[in-house]
């Protein structure tokens, strides 16, 4: 059943990418016609002082009218800006965190106490003359965990695979079997990591829908967001479409609508995780209102990943493997947390002791 679920998730991702690729092709063709019509001789256009407005034309039409120097979609300047944005926004964070995780790993390895040396055996042992029957150890029955009705525990290292590139135990770090070249690709640029995180969102929503009957499923959550995000980014680099208001053009409307949609479903996700914990008699770990507070929304999102993984591990009768992120940033795994508590407890911000020998 789990393999069938993963197969459906992959089909949904491939379908999303195909839709995005088709939309990109159509937009490029439309842009060629747009720029061809926009390139008029400069002499035929009467210049207007910079900043002056044409009082006879509505503002919205002025804003949407192409200028004679309108950018071509994905020209050299746009591609250079796109690549620079992708690298600058993608590489520094995982590089910095990966270096910290490796330092913590090295310190933890040096703190491991070696086992005591074995005591030397006597040269002559009387027990060899009259051997006693060895006691048969009582076999402890193994705990059988039924994983058919539970989702896979996906911790923070699963959601952000680029964080593990510098670890010695990278092969043992989730997600299992994730190729090293793909981790480096997620580290080097922004978009592969975004695509993988969207895949994470898709499968955890599918797990909640399939195993607990909660939510609308990953495809309905992620595909509209992915399409709106792509349209907004494409429109910005091709036409500067995000420089106006949210309703100025189709690209801007799609972009802001996508984020409104994902914020709404993130709110539902936080409440679903709280519901799962409360059904077990445990306190709700997440603050759904943190979604609307800058900075606190990041903390709440990190905690959602950790506690949902912890829930599925507990349902399987397993222990959640050590998470390098949660070990270095204690706020991620504290059972309950308020904004005031985090702001007034520096020990929750960063585990400095894990980096010092």
Protein backbone atom coordinates (compact mmCIF):
# COMPACT_ATOMS: atom_id res chain seq x y z
CA UNK A 1 0.00 0.00 0.00
CA UNK A 2 2.86 2.35 0.85
CA UNK A 3 4.45 1.69 -2.56
CA UNK A 4 1.15 2.41 -4.30
CA UNK A 5 0.85 5.66 -2.34
CA UNK A 6 4.39 6.69 -3.31
CA UNK A 7 3.57 5.82 -6.92
CA UNK A 8 0.57 8.15 -6.86
CA UNK A 9 2.67 10.87 -5.29
CA UNK A 10 5.30 10.58 -8.02
CA UNK A 11 2.60 10.69 -10.70
CA UNK A 12 1.25 13.88 -9.13
CA UNK A 13 4.71 15.47 -9.12
CA UNK A 14 5.38 14.49 -12.74
CA UNK A 15 1.96 15.84 -13.74
CA UNK A 16 2.71 19.13 -12.00
CA UNK A 17 6.05 19.48 -13.77
CA UNK A 18 4.43 18.68 -17.12
CA UNK A 19 1.76 21.33 -16.57
CA UNK A 20 4.41 23.86 -15.58
CA UNK A 21 6.52 23.03 -18.64
CA UNK A 22 3.50 23.39 -20.94
CA UNK A 23 2.57 26.72 -19.38
CA UNK A 24 6.17 27.90 -19.80
CA UNK A 25 6.10 27.05 -23.49
CA UNK A 26 2.81 28.86 -24.05
CA UNK A 27 4.01 31.91 -22.15
CA UNK A 28 7.24 32.06 -24.14
CA UNK A 29 5.28 31.97 -27.40
CA UNK A 30 2.95 34.69 -26.13
CA UNK A 31 5.92 36.76 -25.04
CA UNK A 32 7.48 36.66 -28.51
CA UNK A 33 4.32 38.14 -29.97
CA UNK A 34 4.11 40.64 -27.12
CA UNK A 35 7.65 41.94 -27.55
CA UNK A 36 7.35 42.06 -31.35
CA UNK A 37 4.33 44.34 -31.04
CA UNK A 38 6.03 46.40 -28.33
CA UNK A 39 9.20 47.23 -30.25
CA UNK A 40 8.23 50.48 -31.96
CA UNK A 41 10.62 53.09 -33.40
CA UNK A 42 11.76 55.43 -30.65
CA UNK A 43 11.28 58.48 -32.93
CA UNK A 44 7.55 57.83 -33.23
CA UNK A 45 7.07 58.05 -29.47
CA UNK A 46 6.90 61.43 -27.83
CA UNK A 47 8.92 61.38 -24.63
CA UNK A 48 7.24 62.21 -21.35
CA UNK A 49 9.08 63.55 -18.32
CA UNK A 50 10.14 60.86 -15.91
CA UNK A 51 7.48 60.27 -13.29
CA UNK A 52 4.79 62.21 -15.20
CA UNK A 53 1.40 60.56 -15.65
CA UNK A 54 -0.92 60.70 -18.63
CA UNK A 55 -4.14 62.10 -17.15
CA UNK A 56 -6.19 60.92 -20.12
CA UNK A 57 -5.34 57.23 -19.63
CA UNK A 58 -6.38 55.24 -16.56
CA UNK A 59 -3.50 54.30 -14.28
CA UNK A 60 -4.07 50.58 -14.62
CA UNK A 61 -3.81 50.74 -18.43
CA UNK A 62 -0.64 52.81 -18.18
CA UNK A 63 0.87 50.25 -15.84
CA UNK A 64 0.08 47.32 -18.10
CA UNK A 65 1.03 48.95 -21.40
CA UNK A 66 4.35 47.67 -22.80
CA UNK A 67 7.16 50.14 -23.07
CA UNK A 68 9.33 50.39 -26.21
CA UNK A 69 12.21 48.96 -24.18
CA UNK A 70 10.20 46.09 -22.65
CA UNK A 71 12.26 43.14 -21.52
CA UNK A 72 12.19 39.93 -23.49
CA UNK A 73 11.20 36.87 -21.51
CA UNK A 74 14.29 35.02 -20.35
CA UNK A 75 16.76 37.21 -22.24
CA UNK A 76 20.41 37.39 -21.14
CA UNK A 77 19.70 39.93 -18.43
CA UNK A 78 16.73 38.00 -17.11
CA UNK A 79 18.62 34.70 -17.11
CA UNK A 80 21.57 36.28 -15.30
CA UNK A 81 19.24 37.71 -12.67
CA UNK A 82 17.46 34.39 -12.32
CA UNK A 83 20.69 32.40 -11.86
CA UNK A 84 22.10 34.94 -9.39
CA UNK A 85 18.87 34.90 -7.38
CA UNK A 86 18.79 31.09 -7.36
CA UNK A 87 22.36 30.73 -6.09
CA UNK A 88 22.36 33.60 -3.58
CA UNK A 89 19.07 32.54 -2.00
CA UNK A 90 19.85 28.82 -2.12
CA UNK A 91 23.46 28.17 -1.19
CA UNK A 92 24.41 30.19 1.94
CA UNK A 93 21.84 28.74 4.36
CA UNK A 94 22.48 25.00 3.74
CA UNK A 95 26.25 25.62 3.52
CA UNK A 96 26.28 27.36 6.89
CA UNK A 97 23.98 24.84 8.57
CA UNK A 98 25.82 21.90 7.01
CA UNK A 99 29.12 23.16 8.42
CA UNK A 100 27.56 23.52 11.89
CA UNK A 101 26.10 20.02 11.74
CA UNK A 102 29.48 18.56 10.76
CA UNK A 103 31.17 20.37 13.65
CA UNK A 104 28.57 19.01 16.08
CA UNK A 105 29.06 15.52 14.64
CA UNK A 106 32.83 15.69 15.15
CA UNK A 107 32.47 16.96 18.73
CA UNK A 108 29.97 14.22 19.56
CA UNK A 109 32.33 11.56 18.14
CA UNK A 110 35.20 12.78 20.33
CA UNK A 111 32.97 12.69 23.40
CA UNK A 112 32.17 9.00 22.99
CA UNK A 113 33.75 7.09 25.88
CA UNK A 114 35.73 4.07 24.60
CA UNK A 115 34.72 0.69 26.11
CA UNK A 116 36.88 -0.52 29.05
CA UNK A 117 39.64 -3.01 28.15
CA UNK A 118 38.88 -6.67 28.71
CA UNK A 119 40.35 -8.26 31.82
CA UNK A 120 43.12 -10.75 31.05
CA UNK A 121 42.14 -14.39 31.49
CA UNK A 122 44.04 -16.46 34.08
CA UNK A 123 46.61 -18.88 32.76
CA UNK A 124 44.86 -21.83 34.47
CA UNK A 125 41.08 -21.87 34.86
CA UNK A 126 39.44 -24.63 36.94
CA UNK A 127 36.17 -24.13 35.09
CA UNK A 128 37.74 -25.79 32.06
CA UNK A 129 38.05 -29.05 34.05
CA UNK A 130 34.44 -29.12 35.30
CA UNK A 131 32.43 -27.10 32.81
CA UNK A 132 29.04 -26.00 34.02
CA UNK A 133 26.11 -25.97 31.60
CA UNK A 134 25.62 -22.52 30.20
CA UNK A 135 22.43 -20.76 31.12
CA UNK A 136 20.06 -20.39 28.24
CA UNK A 137 19.05 -16.72 27.99
CA UNK A 138 15.35 -16.07 27.95
CA UNK A 139 14.32 -14.80 24.55
CA UNK A 140 12.60 -11.44 24.66
CA UNK A 141 9.62 -11.37 22.30
CA UNK A 142 10.14 -8.82 19.55
CA UNK A 143 7.65 -6.00 19.37
CA UNK A 144 5.78 -6.30 16.14
CA UNK A 145 4.85 -2.89 14.77
CA UNK A 146 2.20 -2.68 12.12
CA UNK A 147 3.30 -0.10 9.58
CA UNK A 148 0.42 -0.65 7.18
CA UNK A 149 -1.72 2.07 8.74
CA UNK A 150 0.97 4.62 9.49
CA UNK A 151 2.87 7.16 7.46
CA UNK A 152 6.63 7.34 7.15
CA UNK A 153 8.44 9.49 9.74
CA UNK A 154 9.95 12.37 7.76
CA UNK A 155 12.09 14.57 9.96
CA UNK A 156 13.83 17.88 9.23
CA UNK A 157 16.78 16.21 7.51
CA UNK A 158 14.29 14.41 5.24
CA UNK A 159 12.61 17.68 4.30
CA UNK A 160 15.95 19.49 3.72
CA UNK A 161 18.42 16.90 2.35
CA UNK A 162 21.07 19.51 1.50
CA UNK A 163 21.74 20.03 5.23
CA UNK A 164 23.56 16.67 5.40
CA UNK A 165 26.12 17.13 2.61
CA UNK A 166 29.08 17.55 4.98
CA UNK A 167 28.17 14.80 7.46
CA UNK A 168 30.26 11.64 7.63
CA UNK A 169 27.11 9.62 8.21
CA UNK A 170 25.30 11.16 5.25
CA UNK A 171 24.43 7.71 3.89
CA UNK A 172 22.54 6.98 7.12
CA UNK A 173 20.73 10.32 7.10
CA UNK A 174 17.16 10.60 5.84
CA UNK A 175 15.87 10.38 3.20
CA UNK A 176 17.27 6.87 2.76
CA UNK A 177 18.82 6.27 -0.64
CA UNK A 178 18.86 9.95 -1.59
CA UNK A 179 21.81 10.33 -4.02
CA UNK A 180 24.71 12.53 -2.99
CA UNK A 181 24.68 14.48 -6.25
CA UNK A 182 21.06 15.45 -5.60
CA UNK A 183 21.96 16.73 -2.13
CA UNK A 184 24.68 18.91 -3.65
CA UNK A 185 22.26 20.14 -6.30
CA UNK A 186 19.79 21.19 -3.60
CA UNK A 187 22.64 22.98 -1.83
CA UNK A 188 24.03 24.78 -4.88
CA UNK A 189 20.83 26.43 -6.04
CA UNK A 190 17.41 27.37 -4.76
CA UNK A 191 14.89 25.58 -6.96
CA UNK A 192 15.76 21.86 -6.52
CA UNK A 193 15.37 22.31 -2.77
CA UNK A 194 12.01 24.03 -3.31
CA UNK A 195 10.81 21.20 -5.55
CA UNK A 196 11.87 18.59 -2.98
CA UNK A 197 10.19 20.50 -0.14
CA UNK A 198 6.99 20.67 -2.19
CA UNK A 199 7.28 16.90 -2.64
CA UNK A 200 7.63 16.58 1.15
CA UNK A 201 4.48 18.65 1.59
CA UNK A 202 2.66 16.50 -0.94
CA UNK A 203 3.48 13.15 0.70
CA UNK A 204 2.78 14.26 4.29
CA UNK A 205 -0.61 15.61 3.24
CA UNK A 206 -1.27 12.32 1.45
CA UNK A 207 -0.29 10.38 4.59
CA UNK A 208 -2.72 12.35 6.73
CA UNK A 209 -5.47 11.89 4.18
CA UNK A 210 -4.87 8.16 3.64
CA UNK A 211 -4.13 6.96 7.18
CA UNK A 212 -6.13 9.38 9.33
CA UNK A 213 -8.76 10.78 6.96
CA UNK A 214 -7.59 14.37 7.54
CA UNK A 215 -7.29 17.04 4.87
CA UNK A 216 -7.78 17.07 1.10
CA UNK A 217 -4.59 15.29 0.03
CA UNK A 218 -1.26 16.52 -1.24
CA UNK A 219 -2.14 17.01 -4.90
CA UNK A 220 -4.94 19.50 -4.23
CA UNK A 221 -2.69 21.41 -1.85
CA UNK A 222 0.56 21.52 -3.83
CA UNK A 223 -0.36 21.62 -7.54
CA UNK A 224 -2.26 24.97 -7.39
CA UNK A 225 0.55 26.48 -5.33
CA UNK A 226 3.27 25.21 -7.68
CA UNK A 227 1.53 26.61 -10.76
CA UNK A 228 0.91 30.00 -9.13
CA UNK A 229 4.49 30.20 -7.87
CA UNK A 230 5.89 29.40 -11.31
CA UNK A 231 3.66 31.96 -13.04
CA UNK A 232 4.66 34.66 -10.57
CA UNK A 233 8.40 33.99 -10.84
CA UNK A 234 8.25 33.73 -14.63
CA UNK A 235 6.23 36.92 -14.92
CA UNK A 236 8.65 38.82 -12.67
CA UNK A 237 11.78 37.86 -14.57
CA UNK A 238 10.10 38.21 -17.97
CA UNK A 239 7.97 41.33 -17.52
CA UNK A 240 8.51 42.65 -13.99
CA UNK A 241 4.92 41.70 -13.25
CA UNK A 242 5.29 41.66 -9.45
CA UNK A 243 6.27 45.34 -9.29
CA UNK A 244 2.63 46.39 -9.21
CA UNK A 245 -0.30 45.30 -7.08
CA UNK A 246 -1.63 41.76 -6.53
CA UNK A 247 -4.46 42.25 -9.06
CA UNK A 248 -2.55 44.09 -11.79
CA UNK A 249 -1.97 41.07 -14.07
CA UNK A 250 -2.42 37.32 -14.28
CA UNK A 251 1.14 36.62 -13.11
CA UNK A 252 0.84 38.76 -9.99
CA UNK A 253 -2.63 37.44 -9.16
CA UNK A 254 -1.46 33.82 -9.55
CA UNK A 255 1.60 34.43 -7.38
CA UNK A 256 -0.20 36.05 -4.46
CA UNK A 257 -3.14 33.68 -4.78
CA UNK A 258 -0.77 30.71 -4.55
CA UNK A 259 0.69 31.99 -1.27
CA UNK A 260 -2.77 32.69 0.14
CA UNK A 261 -3.71 29.09 -0.72
CA UNK A 262 -0.60 27.52 0.85
CA UNK A 263 -0.95 29.68 3.99
CA UNK A 264 -4.55 28.52 4.39
CA UNK A 265 -3.55 24.87 4.08
CA UNK A 266 -0.58 25.36 6.39
CA UNK A 267 -3.02 26.62 9.01
CA UNK A 268 -5.07 23.44 8.55
CA UNK A 269 -1.91 21.31 8.76
CA UNK A 270 -0.88 22.81 12.11
CA UNK A 271 -4.32 22.11 13.51
CA UNK A 272 -4.25 18.54 12.18
CA UNK A 273 -0.93 17.84 13.91
CA UNK A 274 -2.31 19.28 17.15
CA UNK A 275 -5.39 17.09 16.78
CA UNK A 276 -3.26 13.94 16.44
CA UNK A 277 -1.37 14.75 19.64
CA UNK A 278 -4.50 15.64 21.59
CA UNK A 279 -6.11 12.33 20.58
CA UNK A 280 -3.18 10.61 22.31
CA UNK A 281 -3.66 12.71 25.44
CA UNK A 282 -0.57 14.82 24.76
CA UNK A 283 -0.43 18.62 24.72
CA UNK A 284 -0.73 20.33 21.33
CA UNK A 285 2.84 21.22 20.26
CA UNK A 286 2.08 23.91 17.65
CA UNK A 287 0.77 27.45 17.71
CA UNK A 288 -1.32 27.89 14.53
CA UNK A 289 -1.35 31.67 14.99
CA UNK A 290 2.42 31.62 14.60
CA UNK A 291 1.78 31.38 10.88
CA UNK A 292 1.03 35.11 10.78
CA UNK A 293 3.97 36.39 12.86
CA UNK A 294 7.24 36.96 10.96
CA UNK A 295 10.02 34.83 12.43
CA UNK A 296 7.63 32.89 14.64
CA UNK A 297 6.11 31.35 11.49
CA UNK A 298 9.54 29.87 10.67
CA UNK A 299 9.81 28.38 14.17
CA UNK A 300 6.30 26.92 13.94
CA UNK A 301 6.98 25.39 10.52
CA UNK A 302 10.18 23.73 11.76
CA UNK A 303 8.35 22.32 14.77
CA UNK A 304 5.54 20.98 12.57
CA UNK A 305 8.03 18.89 10.58
CA UNK A 306 9.63 17.48 13.74
CA UNK A 307 6.46 16.65 15.65
CA UNK A 308 4.65 15.09 12.70
CA UNK A 309 7.68 12.81 12.16
CA UNK A 310 7.71 12.02 15.89
CA UNK A 311 4.01 11.09 15.76
CA UNK A 312 4.44 8.64 12.86
CA UNK A 313 7.52 7.08 14.50
CA UNK A 314 5.54 6.53 17.71
CA UNK A 315 2.69 4.94 15.74
CA UNK A 316 5.21 2.49 14.25
CA UNK A 317 6.63 1.63 17.65
CA UNK A 318 9.97 3.16 16.67
CA UNK A 319 12.17 5.90 18.04
CA UNK A 320 12.78 8.89 15.84
CA UNK A 321 16.45 8.80 14.76
CA UNK A 322 18.65 11.66 16.00
CA UNK A 323 17.96 14.80 14.00
CA UNK A 324 21.00 17.05 13.56
CA UNK A 325 18.82 20.13 13.16
CA UNK A 326 16.71 19.46 16.25
CA UNK A 327 19.81 18.68 18.32
CA UNK A 328 21.46 21.98 17.38
CA UNK A 329 18.30 24.09 17.70
CA UNK A 330 16.45 22.89 20.84
CA UNK A 331 13.32 24.95 20.13
CA UNK A 332 12.47 22.45 17.38
CA UNK A 333 11.79 19.55 19.76
CA UNK A 334 10.48 21.17 22.95
CA UNK A 335 7.05 19.57 23.62
CA UNK A 336 5.28 22.93 24.00
CA UNK A 337 6.54 26.40 23.18
CA UNK A 338 5.16 29.92 23.33
CA UNK A 339 6.53 33.03 21.70
CA UNK A 340 7.28 34.62 25.08
CA UNK A 341 9.08 31.49 26.26
CA UNK A 342 11.26 31.38 23.18
CA UNK A 343 12.04 35.11 23.38
CA UNK A 344 13.10 34.89 27.04
CA UNK A 345 14.97 31.54 27.03
CA UNK A 346 18.28 31.81 25.13
CA UNK A 347 19.04 28.14 25.82
CA UNK A 348 16.30 27.23 23.33
CA UNK A 349 17.82 29.26 20.51
CA UNK A 350 21.03 27.37 19.93
CA UNK A 351 22.88 24.47 21.55
CA UNK A 352 26.31 26.04 21.74
CA UNK A 353 27.65 23.23 23.91
CA UNK A 354 27.36 20.78 21.03
CA UNK A 355 30.02 22.73 19.09
CA UNK A 356 32.61 23.10 21.88
CA UNK A 357 34.94 20.29 22.91
